[in-house]
Amino acid sequence: MHSDTCLRIARKQAACQRACPAGIDVPRYIRAIAAGRFDESLSVIREAIPFPSICGYACFAPCEVGCGKGQFDQSVAIRALKRAAAEKGGESWKNNLNKKPATGKKAAIIGAGPGGLTAAYYLALKGHGATVFEGRSEAGGMMRWAIPEYRLPREILSAEIDEIRNLGVDIKTGTPVGSVLELKQSGYHAVYIACGAQKSAPLGIPGDGLEGVIGAIDFLGALNSGKPFPVGKRVAVIGGGNAAIDAARSAVRLGAREVKMFYRRTRNEMPAYPDEIDAALEEGVKIEFLAAPSMIEKQDRGLKVTFDCMELGAPDKSGRPRPVCKFGFNYSEIFDNVIAAIGQNVVLGSGFGISPDSKGLIGVDGSTLSTGVDGIFAGGDVVKGPASIIEAIAHGKLAASSIDRFLGGDGNLLLSLAPEENEVSIGFYTEASAARVEIPCLPAGARTGNFEVVEKTLNGYLARKESDRCLWCDYRQFNVELDFEGCKECGYCMKVCKMGVFSQGPRFNAKGYRSFEVKNPRNCVGCMKCFYNCPDFCIEIKGVE
């Protein structure tokens, strides 16, 4: 892929790194893998997050959406490479992990999920006493209780939590917090609320409280606690998110003969990760689109569920088409169990000390995560609603930075765990390249009746082969120019560019066309598709040397 002709220019932040909420230096850790330096790769990842293995298993990989290789064929398997680095790298990252002297200040963190543990990790490194209060019997939050083992093994989760304990973080499990103000009064100088959204939202239809109906979070929590909810032969799962997919795939493994998901929109609007949807279909899960339950009734030994047929209307606030009921069009099916996975709610006690808004969330200053109450911060699901592991980690880092400043520190969380990267010499590339490696997986027929991990770790050869597909966008810069007067508003440039380089501008040219504009030239990867698809050749792209 890389030629012998070399290019040496200043480094920029690649689109994949900008797409990562936690800012992981993706190209740098991939280059280390390509050179066979897995220790160094892991150190680069750990400069940004404390959970490389967990993210290697269960992250939804927004970095891959921003990957420049996707402009040519398929994006680099960034998440799988992170997992390979985490499992093949050693402990050299610890050599440069320096903990600051004790400051005498104490911070309390409510919730031992990814956000709370991340905040505790960085606060401990800054020399502050960090105590995490967790209401459940084990730490991990939704990583432990809502993600099935076939996606995230418990030993992987526990090992990375132990690394945080090793820094001196005190994790008090089985210790729910009833009042945030009492924590302040008991001697903690700052508090971070990261208790998550741990209650399934009810369906809100007649019969949703009948025996045999259960929320997805309760269903998955029981499963991961070792006391799985008994399922019958036919199971209905209501919803189209990741919790719905996890519940459906788990029901298959628990012995259900038919598992059917019902989603009120189409697959294009499903919030679940595409790879997880594909895996569910491989395992025999059926998905019924444009269907929403309106009633559940007891019938003999089963549950009769009535569904309304839906159609897509105008976009709602989320930008997705609004599902509209087709009145007079409905049907019923009989199931043994119904799993509700339409959302999650935050639960705060009446005496908690911080009042939620009308949506049950805590309002904060977006730049600091301060609640407005002196020394009390909040983040993650309790602020944004149900989100991802990597988003919770990003909030945990922001909270740690803000709390450190509040406690008298500089708020600087930058770590230097890997050797500095010397000047990199790269070659020009062409569109032709090797296809994305196929991630080895457990055959679909072998997944029933067990929770063995489905996706396997790339071996050293495949990891290096996949790493070599990376374009090193951080070392490639292009000037993108568009002839304003020549533009005829065809929009082909924006249609063929997946990197968000172009946008339709507000101005009209002399020919009466509202010209397109170059919005994000730094995202350009030089594929030239916009140039070749522009009928009037009003785009010019030049490499910067």
Protein backbone atom coordinates (compact mmCIF):
# COMPACT_ATOMS: atom_id res chain seq x y z
CA MET A 1 0.00 0.00 0.00
CA HIS A 2 2.82 2.44 0.89
CA SER A 3 5.34 3.19 -1.86
CA ASP A 4 9.02 4.00 -1.48
CA THR A 5 8.45 7.66 -2.33
CA CYS A 6 8.39 9.41 1.02
CA LEU A 7 6.49 12.39 2.30
CA ARG A 8 7.48 14.26 5.47
CA ILE A 9 5.02 16.84 6.78
CA ALA A 10 3.66 18.09 10.06
CA ARG A 11 1.21 15.85 11.85
CA LYS A 12 -2.48 16.66 12.22
CA GLN A 13 -5.27 15.00 14.18
CA ALA A 14 -6.88 12.36 12.01
CA ALA A 15 -10.65 12.10 11.58
CA CYS A 16 -10.71 8.74 13.40
CA GLN A 17 -9.16 10.33 16.50
CA ARG A 18 -11.57 13.28 16.36
CA ALA A 19 -14.47 10.81 16.13
CA CYS A 20 -13.39 9.07 19.35
CA PRO A 21 -15.08 10.76 22.35
CA ALA A 22 -12.01 9.98 24.48
CA GLY A 23 -9.54 11.18 21.85
CA ILE A 24 -7.48 7.98 21.49
CA ASP A 25 -4.53 8.49 19.12
CA VAL A 26 -5.70 5.85 16.68
CA PRO A 27 -3.14 6.16 13.83
CA ARG A 28 -0.24 6.09 16.28
CA TYR A 29 -1.31 2.88 18.00
CA ILE A 30 -2.07 1.25 14.65
CA ARG A 31 1.40 2.15 13.32
CA ALA A 32 2.91 0.49 16.38
CA ILE A 33 0.97 -2.71 15.66
CA ALA A 34 2.05 -2.61 12.02
CA ALA A 35 5.64 -2.60 13.26
CA GLY A 36 4.92 -5.47 15.66
CA ARG A 37 5.27 -3.27 18.76
CA PHE A 38 2.18 -4.33 20.68
CA ASP A 39 3.57 -3.05 24.00
CA GLU A 40 3.95 0.42 22.54
CA SER A 41 0.50 0.25 20.96
CA LEU A 42 -1.12 -0.59 24.29
CA SER A 43 0.78 2.26 25.95
CA VAL A 44 -0.57 4.72 23.39
CA ILE A 45 -4.13 3.55 24.03
CA ARG A 46 -3.67 3.76 27.80
CA GLU A 47 -2.56 7.36 27.44
CA ALA A 48 -6.22 8.11 26.69
CA ILE A 49 -8.35 5.48 28.46
CA PRO A 50 -8.04 3.05 31.39
CA PHE A 51 -10.13 0.33 29.68
CA PRO A 52 -8.35 -0.80 26.48
CA SER A 53 -9.51 -4.44 26.69
CA ILE A 54 -13.10 -3.55 27.52
CA CYS A 55 -13.27 -1.09 24.61
CA GLY A 56 -11.57 -3.66 22.39
CA TYR A 57 -14.45 -6.03 23.12
CA ALA A 58 -17.50 -3.80 23.48
CA CYS A 59 -16.95 -0.31 22.04
CA PHE A 60 -19.28 0.75 19.23
CA ALA A 61 -16.21 2.19 17.44
CA PRO A 62 -17.23 5.66 16.23
CA CYS A 63 -13.60 5.93 15.11
CA GLU A 64 -14.33 3.46 12.31
CA VAL A 65 -17.07 5.74 10.98
CA GLY A 66 -14.46 8.50 10.70
CA CYS A 67 -11.80 6.24 9.18
CA GLY A 68 -10.44 7.59 5.90
CA LYS A 69 -9.99 4.06 4.53
CA GLY A 70 -13.78 3.84 4.33
CA GLN A 71 -13.62 6.39 1.50
CA PHE A 72 -11.82 3.77 -0.61
CA ASP A 73 -13.39 0.47 0.53
CA GLN A 74 -13.94 -0.64 4.17
CA SER A 75 -12.74 1.16 7.25
CA VAL A 76 -9.84 -0.27 9.23
CA ALA A 77 -10.94 -2.70 11.99
CA ILE A 78 -9.83 -0.25 14.67
CA ARG A 79 -11.73 -1.83 17.57
CA ALA A 80 -10.40 -5.31 16.81
CA LEU A 81 -6.87 -3.89 16.66
CA LYS A 82 -7.36 -2.27 20.05
CA ARG A 83 -8.33 -5.64 21.48
CA ALA A 84 -5.26 -7.25 19.89
CA ALA A 85 -3.00 -4.59 21.41
CA ALA A 86 -4.62 -4.97 24.82
CA GLU A 87 -4.17 -8.76 24.82
CA LYS A 88 -0.73 -8.94 23.20
CA GLY A 89 0.82 -5.88 24.83
CA GLY A 90 2.60 -6.25 28.14
CA GLU A 91 2.93 -3.95 31.12
CA SER A 92 5.54 -1.50 29.87
CA TRP A 93 2.90 1.25 30.09
CA LYS A 94 3.23 1.09 33.87
CA ASN A 95 6.86 2.21 33.70
CA ASN A 96 5.82 5.79 32.99
CA LEU A 97 2.56 5.87 34.96
CA ASN A 98 3.44 8.38 37.64
CA LYS A 99 1.07 9.09 40.51
CA LYS A 100 1.30 12.60 41.96
CA PRO A 101 1.97 13.09 45.69
CA ALA A 102 -1.07 13.04 47.96
CA THR A 103 -2.93 16.36 48.02
CA GLY A 104 -4.99 15.65 51.11
CA LYS A 105 -8.18 16.27 49.11
CA LYS A 106 -10.90 13.63 48.78
CA ALA A 107 -13.43 13.01 46.03
CA ALA A 108 -16.45 10.72 46.16
CA ILE A 109 -17.73 9.06 43.01
CA ILE A 110 -21.25 7.66 42.90
CA GLY A 111 -21.39 4.68 40.57
CA ALA A 112 -18.72 2.15 39.57
CA GLY A 113 -19.50 2.12 35.87
CA PRO A 114 -17.05 3.18 33.12
CA GLY A 115 -17.51 6.90 33.78
CA GLY A 116 -17.19 6.75 37.54
CA LEU A 117 -14.20 4.42 37.46
CA THR A 118 -12.48 6.56 34.84
CA ALA A 119 -12.92 9.68 36.96
CA ALA A 120 -11.55 7.84 40.01
CA TYR A 121 -8.55 6.59 38.00
CA TYR A 122 -7.47 10.05 36.90
CA LEU A 123 -8.18 11.69 40.24
CA ALA A 124 -6.01 9.07 41.95
CA LEU A 125 -3.20 9.78 39.48
CA LYS A 126 -3.49 13.46 40.38
CA GLY A 127 -2.90 12.61 44.02
CA HIS A 128 -6.44 12.96 45.33
CA GLY A 129 -8.17 10.38 47.49
CA ALA A 130 -10.85 8.73 45.35
CA THR A 131 -13.64 6.63 46.79
CA VAL A 132 -16.24 5.00 44.56
CA PHE A 133 -19.64 4.11 46.04
CA GLU A 134 -21.48 1.33 44.24
CA GLY A 135 -24.90 0.11 45.25
CA ARG A 136 -24.56 -3.33 43.68
CA SER A 137 -22.45 -6.25 44.82
CA GLU A 138 -19.70 -5.81 42.20
CA ALA A 139 -18.13 -2.92 40.32
CA GLY A 140 -18.56 -2.39 36.59
CA GLY A 141 -22.00 -0.82 36.21
CA MET A 142 -23.73 -1.61 32.95
CA MET A 143 -20.50 -3.17 31.65
CA ARG A 144 -21.02 -5.95 34.18
CA TRP A 145 -24.78 -6.14 34.47
CA ALA A 146 -26.07 -5.30 30.98
CA ILE A 147 -23.47 -6.67 28.55
CA PRO A 148 -23.63 -10.46 28.11
CA GLU A 149 -20.48 -12.55 28.47
CA TYR A 150 -20.46 -13.53 24.81
CA ARG A 151 -19.54 -9.88 24.15
CA LEU A 152 -17.50 -9.03 27.25
CA PRO A 153 -16.00 -11.77 29.46
CA ARG A 154 -16.18 -11.09 33.19
CA GLU A 155 -12.48 -11.82 33.74
CA ILE A 156 -11.52 -9.12 31.24
CA LEU A 157 -13.75 -6.62 33.02
CA SER A 158 -12.52 -7.54 36.49
CA ALA A 159 -8.85 -7.39 35.46
CA GLU A 160 -9.10 -3.81 34.24
CA ILE A 161 -11.07 -2.73 37.30
CA ASP A 162 -8.33 -4.28 39.46
CA GLU A 163 -5.77 -2.01 37.77
CA ILE A 164 -7.78 0.95 39.04
CA ARG A 165 -7.90 -0.50 42.55
CA ASN A 166 -4.13 -0.95 42.39
CA LEU A 167 -3.76 2.83 42.15
CA GLY A 168 -5.33 3.14 45.57
CA VAL A 169 -8.92 3.79 44.50
CA ASP A 170 -11.32 2.53 47.18
CA ILE A 171 -14.37 0.89 45.61
CA LYS A 172 -17.11 0.34 48.16
CA THR A 173 -19.62 -2.13 46.70
CA GLY A 174 -23.01 -2.78 48.25
CA THR A 175 -23.02 0.84 49.39
CA PRO A 176 -25.81 2.88 47.78
CA VAL A 177 -25.79 6.65 48.28
CA GLY A 178 -29.03 8.17 49.45
CA SER A 179 -27.92 11.80 49.67
CA VAL A 180 -25.16 13.51 47.72
CA LEU A 181 -25.13 16.34 50.25
CA GLU A 182 -24.36 13.94 53.09
CA LEU A 183 -21.21 12.90 51.22
CA LYS A 184 -20.05 16.50 51.18
CA GLN A 185 -20.86 16.84 54.86
CA SER A 186 -18.89 13.69 55.70
CA GLY A 187 -15.61 15.20 54.50
CA TYR A 188 -15.48 14.75 50.73
CA HIS A 189 -14.37 17.92 48.99
CA ALA A 190 -15.99 17.03 45.66
CA VAL A 191 -18.57 14.56 44.38
CA TYR A 192 -19.04 13.10 40.91
CA ILE A 193 -22.47 11.60 40.19
CA ALA A 194 -22.11 8.78 37.65
CA CYS A 195 -24.84 6.40 38.71
CA GLY A 196 -26.10 5.75 35.18
CA ALA A 197 -29.53 4.84 33.88
CA GLN A 198 -30.17 1.45 35.42
CA LYS A 199 -33.93 0.96 35.15
CA SER A 200 -35.79 -0.26 32.09
CA ALA A 201 -38.46 2.12 30.81
CA PRO A 202 -41.94 0.53 30.92
CA LEU A 203 -43.83 -0.09 27.71
CA GLY A 204 -46.67 2.07 28.96
CA ILE A 205 -49.41 -0.07 27.47
CA PRO A 206 -52.15 -2.20 29.08
CA GLY A 207 -50.71 -5.45 30.40
CA ASP A 208 -47.07 -4.39 30.64
CA GLY A 209 -47.02 -5.47 34.29
CA LEU A 210 -48.21 -9.03 33.68
CA GLU A 211 -46.16 -12.02 34.79
CA GLY A 212 -43.77 -12.97 32.01
CA VAL A 213 -43.12 -9.36 30.98
CA ILE A 214 -39.70 -8.06 32.03
CA GLY A 215 -37.47 -5.08 31.27
CA ALA A 216 -34.29 -5.77 29.28
CA ILE A 217 -32.01 -4.33 31.99
CA ASP A 218 -33.64 -6.55 34.62
CA PHE A 219 -33.43 -9.54 32.27
CA LEU A 220 -29.74 -8.99 31.51
CA GLY A 221 -28.94 -8.16 35.12
CA ALA A 222 -30.46 -11.43 36.33
CA LEU A 223 -28.52 -13.30 33.65
CA ASN A 224 -25.19 -11.73 34.57
CA SER A 225 -25.78 -12.30 38.27
CA GLY A 226 -25.98 -16.04 37.63
CA LYS A 227 -29.75 -16.32 38.12
CA PRO A 228 -31.18 -16.05 34.61
CA PHE A 229 -34.86 -15.27 34.09
CA PRO A 230 -36.54 -18.44 32.77
CA VAL A 231 -37.67 -18.05 29.18
CA GLY A 232 -40.21 -20.10 27.27
CA LYS A 233 -40.19 -21.33 23.71
CA ARG A 234 -41.36 -18.05 22.14
CA VAL A 235 -39.92 -14.71 23.22
CA ALA A 236 -40.79 -11.22 21.99
CA VAL A 237 -38.31 -8.38 22.40
CA ILE A 238 -39.66 -4.86 22.00
CA GLY A 239 -37.12 -2.27 20.82
CA GLY A 240 -34.28 -1.72 18.37
CA GLY A 241 -31.31 -0.68 20.49
CA ASN A 242 -28.30 -2.56 21.79
CA ALA A 243 -30.10 -3.71 24.93
CA ALA A 244 -32.81 -5.22 22.72
CA ILE A 245 -30.21 -7.06 20.63
CA ASP A 246 -28.38 -8.29 23.74
CA ALA A 247 -31.64 -9.53 25.24
CA ALA A 248 -32.68 -11.29 22.05
CA ARG A 249 -29.32 -13.01 21.55
CA SER A 250 -29.26 -14.02 25.22
CA ALA A 251 -32.76 -15.52 24.96
CA VAL A 252 -31.50 -17.68 22.07
CA ARG A 253 -28.67 -18.91 24.27
CA LEU A 254 -31.06 -19.65 27.13
CA GLY A 255 -33.00 -22.07 24.94
CA ALA A 256 -35.83 -20.08 23.35
CA ARG A 257 -36.80 -21.69 20.06
CA GLU A 258 -38.18 -18.54 18.48
CA VAL A 259 -37.05 -15.03 19.33
CA LYS A 260 -38.66 -12.16 17.50
CA MET A 261 -37.81 -8.48 17.83
CA PHE A 262 -40.35 -5.77 17.09
CA TYR A 263 -39.22 -2.29 16.12
CA ARG A 264 -41.48 0.60 15.20
CA ARG A 265 -39.20 1.99 12.49
CA THR A 266 -37.05 0.27 9.84
CA ARG A 267 -33.54 -1.15 10.04
CA ASN A 268 -32.12 2.12 8.73
CA GLU A 269 -33.23 3.84 11.94
CA MET A 270 -32.25 1.11 14.40
CA PRO A 271 -29.87 2.52 17.02
CA ALA A 272 -28.25 -0.88 17.63
CA TYR A 273 -24.77 -1.45 16.26
CA PRO A 274 -24.99 -2.86 12.69
CA ASP A 275 -22.59 -5.72 13.43
CA GLU A 276 -24.72 -6.77 16.41
CA ILE A 277 -27.86 -6.75 14.28
CA ASP A 278 -26.15 -8.96 11.71
CA ALA A 279 -25.00 -11.34 14.45
CA ALA A 280 -28.53 -11.59 15.85
CA LEU A 281 -29.91 -12.47 12.43
CA GLU A 282 -27.18 -15.09 11.99
CA GLU A 283 -28.28 -16.68 15.25
CA GLY A 284 -31.88 -16.97 14.12
CA VAL A 285 -33.43 -13.88 15.69
CA LYS A 286 -36.25 -12.52 13.54
CA ILE A 287 -36.94 -8.79 13.30
CA GLU A 288 -40.37 -7.38 12.57
CA PHE A 289 -40.15 -3.76 11.46
CA LEU A 290 -42.82 -1.04 11.54
CA ALA A 291 -44.63 -2.71 14.43
CA ALA A 292 -45.40 -1.33 17.90
CA PRO A 293 -47.20 -3.16 20.73
CA SER A 294 -50.46 -1.63 21.92
CA MET A 295 -51.71 -4.25 24.42
CA ILE A 296 -50.61 -7.40 26.26
CA GLU A 297 -53.21 -9.88 27.52
CA LYS A 298 -53.01 -13.16 29.36
CA GLN A 299 -54.17 -16.02 27.19
CA ASP A 300 -54.06 -19.56 28.55
CA ARG A 301 -50.42 -20.05 29.55
CA GLY A 302 -49.08 -17.42 27.20
CA LEU A 303 -49.18 -13.69 26.50
CA LYS A 304 -51.19 -12.31 23.61
CA VAL A 305 -49.48 -9.21 22.24
CA THR A 306 -51.37 -6.90 19.88
CA PHE A 307 -49.23 -4.88 17.49
CA ASP A 308 -50.15 -1.76 15.55
CA CYS A 309 -48.76 -1.45 12.05
CA MET A 310 -46.69 1.70 11.61
CA GLU A 311 -45.48 3.88 8.76
CA LEU A 312 -42.76 6.52 8.67
CA GLY A 313 -43.72 10.16 8.81
CA ALA A 314 -41.85 13.46 9.05
CA PRO A 315 -38.56 13.55 11.02
CA ASP A 316 -38.79 14.05 14.79
CA LYS A 317 -36.33 15.89 17.07
CA SER A 318 -33.82 13.07 16.70
CA GLY A 319 -33.78 13.53 12.92
CA ARG A 320 -35.25 10.08 12.34
CA PRO A 321 -38.62 9.61 10.61
CA ARG A 322 -41.42 9.61 13.15
CA PRO A 323 -43.34 6.30 13.33
CA VAL A 324 -47.04 6.91 12.69
CA CYS A 325 -49.73 4.39 13.52
CA LYS A 326 -51.77 3.06 10.59
CA PHE A 327 -55.16 3.06 12.27
CA GLY A 328 -57.17 -0.06 11.65
CA PHE A 329 -54.12 -2.15 10.83
CA ASN A 330 -53.05 -4.45 13.65
CA TYR A 331 -52.39 -8.09 14.43
CA SER A 332 -51.69 -10.33 17.42
CA GLU A 333 -49.16 -13.02 18.30
CA ILE A 334 -48.75 -15.34 21.27
CA PHE A 335 -45.51 -15.45 23.28
CA ASP A 336 -44.29 -17.01 26.49
CA ASN A 337 -42.30 -13.94 27.46
CA VAL A 338 -42.05 -10.29 26.49
CA ILE A 339 -38.82 -8.33 27.06
CA ALA A 340 -39.20 -4.55 27.00
CA ALA A 341 -36.14 -2.74 25.66
CA ILE A 342 -37.45 0.68 24.67
CA GLY A 343 -35.16 2.74 26.88
CA GLN A 344 -33.61 3.23 30.30
CA ASN A 345 -34.40 5.66 33.08
CA VAL A 346 -32.31 7.35 35.74
CA VAL A 347 -33.51 6.69 39.28
CA LEU A 348 -32.64 9.24 41.97
CA GLY A 349 -34.21 9.12 45.42
CA SER A 350 -36.35 11.98 46.67
CA GLY A 351 -33.70 12.98 49.21
CA PHE A 352 -30.76 12.70 46.84
CA GLY A 353 -30.02 16.42 46.97
CA ILE A 354 -29.91 17.17 43.23
CA SER A 355 -33.20 17.67 41.43
CA PRO A 356 -33.49 16.12 37.97
CA ASP A 357 -35.18 17.88 35.04
CA SER A 358 -38.44 16.86 33.39
CA LYS A 359 -36.64 13.99 31.62
CA GLY A 360 -35.20 12.68 34.88
CA LEU A 361 -31.68 13.85 33.99
CA ILE A 362 -29.30 16.14 35.85
CA GLY A 363 -28.50 19.46 34.20
CA VAL A 364 -24.82 20.45 34.06
CA ASP A 365 -22.47 22.96 32.51
CA GLY A 366 -21.34 21.13 29.36
CA SER A 367 -17.76 22.37 29.57
CA THR A 368 -17.15 21.37 33.20
CA LEU A 369 -20.00 18.96 34.15
CA SER A 370 -20.67 21.14 37.20
CA THR A 371 -24.22 20.88 38.52
CA GLY A 372 -24.15 24.42 39.84
CA VAL A 373 -23.97 23.13 43.42
CA ASP A 374 -20.53 23.84 44.84
CA GLY A 375 -18.22 20.85 44.37
CA ILE A 376 -20.85 18.55 42.85
CA PHE A 377 -20.43 17.30 39.29
CA ALA A 378 -22.39 14.81 37.18
CA GLY A 379 -21.87 12.97 33.92
CA GLY A 380 -22.58 9.95 31.75
CA ASP A 381 -26.06 8.48 31.44
CA VAL A 382 -27.38 10.56 34.33
CA VAL A 383 -26.72 13.66 32.20
CA LYS A 384 -27.00 12.46 28.58
CA GLY A 385 -29.36 9.54 28.93
CA PRO A 386 -28.30 6.00 27.96
CA ALA A 387 -25.08 6.20 25.96
CA SER A 388 -21.99 4.13 25.24
CA ILE A 389 -18.97 2.99 27.24
CA ILE A 390 -16.59 5.30 25.38
CA GLU A 391 -18.89 8.30 25.90
CA ALA A 392 -19.05 7.55 29.62
CA ILE A 393 -15.24 7.33 29.70
CA ALA A 394 -14.99 10.71 27.98
CA HIS A 395 -17.30 12.27 30.57
CA GLY A 396 -15.30 10.63 33.35
CA LYS A 397 -12.13 12.26 32.02
CA LEU A 398 -13.81 15.66 31.75
CA ALA A 399 -15.18 15.33 35.29
CA ALA A 400 -11.75 14.37 36.66
CA SER A 401 -10.18 17.38 34.98
CA SER A 402 -12.85 19.72 36.34
CA ILE A 403 -12.69 18.24 39.84
CA ASP A 404 -8.89 18.44 39.85
CA ARG A 405 -9.10 22.16 39.06
CA PHE A 406 -11.78 22.59 41.72
CA LEU A 407 -9.45 20.93 44.24
CA GLY A 408 -6.56 23.22 43.32
CA GLY A 409 -4.88 21.28 40.50
CA ASP A 410 -4.20 22.25 36.89
CA GLY A 411 -6.77 19.88 35.36
CA ASN A 412 -4.13 18.41 33.04
CA LEU A 413 -4.76 14.68 32.55
CA LEU A 414 -2.27 14.13 29.73
CA LEU A 415 -0.19 10.99 30.15
CA SER A 416 3.02 10.04 28.37
CA LEU A 417 3.27 6.26 28.56
CA ALA A 418 4.67 5.37 25.14
CA PRO A 419 7.97 6.32 23.51
CA GLU A 420 7.78 9.47 21.42
CA GLU A 421 7.15 8.77 17.77
CA ASN A 422 10.12 9.80 15.63
CA GLU A 423 9.70 11.52 12.30
CA VAL A 424 7.54 9.26 10.17
CA SER A 425 8.29 8.69 6.51
CA ILE A 426 5.29 7.61 4.50
CA GLY A 427 4.66 6.92 0.87
CA PHE A 428 1.89 7.84 -1.51
CA TYR A 429 -0.88 5.29 -1.81
CA THR A 430 -3.33 4.14 -4.40
CA GLU A 431 -6.94 3.05 -4.06
CA ALA A 432 -6.00 -0.59 -4.63
CA SER A 433 -5.30 -2.36 -1.36
CA ALA A 434 -5.97 -5.54 0.58
CA ALA A 435 -9.51 -6.12 1.80
CA ARG A 436 -10.36 -5.74 5.46
CA VAL A 437 -9.44 -8.86 7.39
CA GLU A 438 -12.26 -11.13 8.45
CA ILE A 439 -12.57 -11.18 12.23
CA PRO A 440 -12.66 -14.83 13.35
CA CYS A 441 -15.94 -15.68 15.06
CA LEU A 442 -17.56 -18.66 16.72
CA PRO A 443 -19.83 -20.33 14.11
CA ALA A 444 -23.49 -19.36 14.51
CA GLY A 445 -24.49 -22.98 15.04
CA ALA A 446 -22.15 -23.28 18.03
CA ARG A 447 -23.56 -20.30 19.94
CA THR A 448 -26.78 -21.85 21.23
CA GLY A 449 -26.79 -23.02 24.83
CA ASN A 450 -23.60 -21.23 25.85
CA PHE A 451 -22.19 -17.76 26.38
CA GLU A 452 -18.78 -18.35 24.84
CA VAL A 453 -17.22 -15.20 23.38
CA VAL A 454 -18.36 -14.91 19.75
CA GLU A 455 -15.66 -12.68 18.33
CA LYS A 456 -12.08 -13.91 18.63
CA THR A 457 -8.92 -11.84 18.97
CA LEU A 458 -6.85 -11.23 15.84
CA ASN A 459 -3.58 -13.12 15.89
CA GLY A 460 -0.33 -11.23 15.43
CA TYR A 461 -0.17 -11.82 11.69
CA LEU A 462 -3.75 -10.69 11.00
CA ALA A 463 -3.37 -7.68 13.32
CA ARG A 464 -0.27 -6.49 11.47
CA LYS A 465 -1.91 -7.17 8.11
CA GLU A 466 -4.97 -5.12 9.05
CA SER A 467 -2.84 -2.34 10.53
CA ASP A 468 -1.04 -1.99 7.23
CA ARG A 469 -4.34 -0.92 5.63
CA CYS A 470 -4.25 2.32 7.65
CA LEU A 471 -3.69 5.38 5.45
CA TRP A 472 -1.87 7.35 8.17
CA CYS A 473 -4.25 10.26 7.61
CA ASP A 474 -2.58 12.20 10.43
CA TYR A 475 0.47 12.66 8.18
CA ARG A 476 -1.43 13.47 4.98
CA GLN A 477 -2.72 16.93 4.21
CA PHE A 478 -4.56 18.18 1.16
CA ASN A 479 -5.66 21.59 -0.04
CA VAL A 480 -9.21 21.35 -1.35
CA GLU A 481 -10.44 24.21 -3.49
CA LEU A 482 -13.84 24.62 -5.11
CA ASP A 483 -14.60 27.05 -7.93
CA PHE A 484 -17.47 29.07 -6.48
CA GLU A 485 -18.61 30.51 -9.79
CA GLY A 486 -18.27 27.20 -11.63
CA CYS A 487 -20.44 25.21 -9.17
CA LYS A 488 -23.83 24.14 -10.54
CA GLU A 489 -25.27 22.76 -7.30
CA CYS A 490 -25.23 19.16 -8.50
CA GLY A 491 -24.11 17.93 -5.08
CA TYR A 492 -22.07 15.00 -6.40
CA CYS A 493 -19.07 16.06 -4.29
CA MET A 494 -21.05 15.73 -1.07
CA LYS A 495 -22.69 12.49 -2.18
CA VAL A 496 -19.43 10.66 -2.89
CA CYS A 497 -17.47 12.06 0.07
CA LYS A 498 -17.94 10.09 3.31
CA MET A 499 -15.51 12.33 5.17
CA GLY A 500 -17.74 15.40 5.48
CA VAL A 501 -15.42 17.63 3.46
CA PHE A 502 -18.23 19.43 1.61
CA SER A 503 -21.47 21.14 2.57
CA GLN A 504 -24.05 23.19 0.71
CA GLY A 505 -23.22 26.83 1.30
CA PRO A 506 -25.56 29.79 1.90
CA ARG A 507 -24.41 31.90 -1.06
CA PHE A 508 -25.59 31.95 -4.68
CA ASN A 509 -23.13 32.43 -7.53
CA ALA A 510 -23.58 34.58 -10.62
CA LYS A 511 -25.28 31.68 -12.43
CA GLY A 512 -27.96 31.50 -9.75
CA TYR A 513 -26.74 28.29 -8.15
CA ARG A 514 -26.27 27.94 -4.41
CA SER A 515 -22.68 26.83 -4.44
CA PHE A 516 -21.27 24.04 -2.31
CA GLU A 517 -18.44 24.86 0.09
CA VAL A 518 -15.35 23.14 1.46
CA LYS A 519 -16.37 22.54 5.07
CA ASN A 520 -13.69 20.25 6.54
CA PRO A 521 -10.63 20.18 4.23
CA ARG A 522 -8.52 18.50 6.93
CA ASN A 523 -10.75 15.41 6.56
CA CYS A 524 -9.75 14.95 2.92
CA VAL A 525 -7.86 11.70 2.22
CA GLY A 526 -7.09 12.47 -1.42
CA CYS A 527 -9.31 9.81 -2.97
CA MET A 528 -10.22 12.23 -5.82
CA LYS A 529 -13.78 10.89 -6.03
CA CYS A 530 -15.21 14.42 -5.79
CA PHE A 531 -12.95 15.57 -8.63
CA TYR A 532 -13.89 12.73 -10.94
CA ASN A 533 -17.62 12.95 -10.12
CA CYS A 534 -17.88 16.71 -10.64
CA PRO A 535 -19.24 17.19 -14.20
CA ASP A 536 -17.64 20.63 -14.50
CA PHE A 537 -14.32 19.81 -12.78
CA CYS A 538 -14.66 22.75 -10.42
CA ILE A 539 -12.76 20.98 -7.60
CA GLU A 540 -9.00 20.98 -7.22
CA ILE A 541 -7.08 18.84 -4.72
CA LYS A 542 -3.38 19.20 -4.04
CA GLY A 543 -1.22 17.33 -1.58
CA VAL A 544 0.75 19.40 0.93
CA GLU A 545 4.40 18.36 1.18
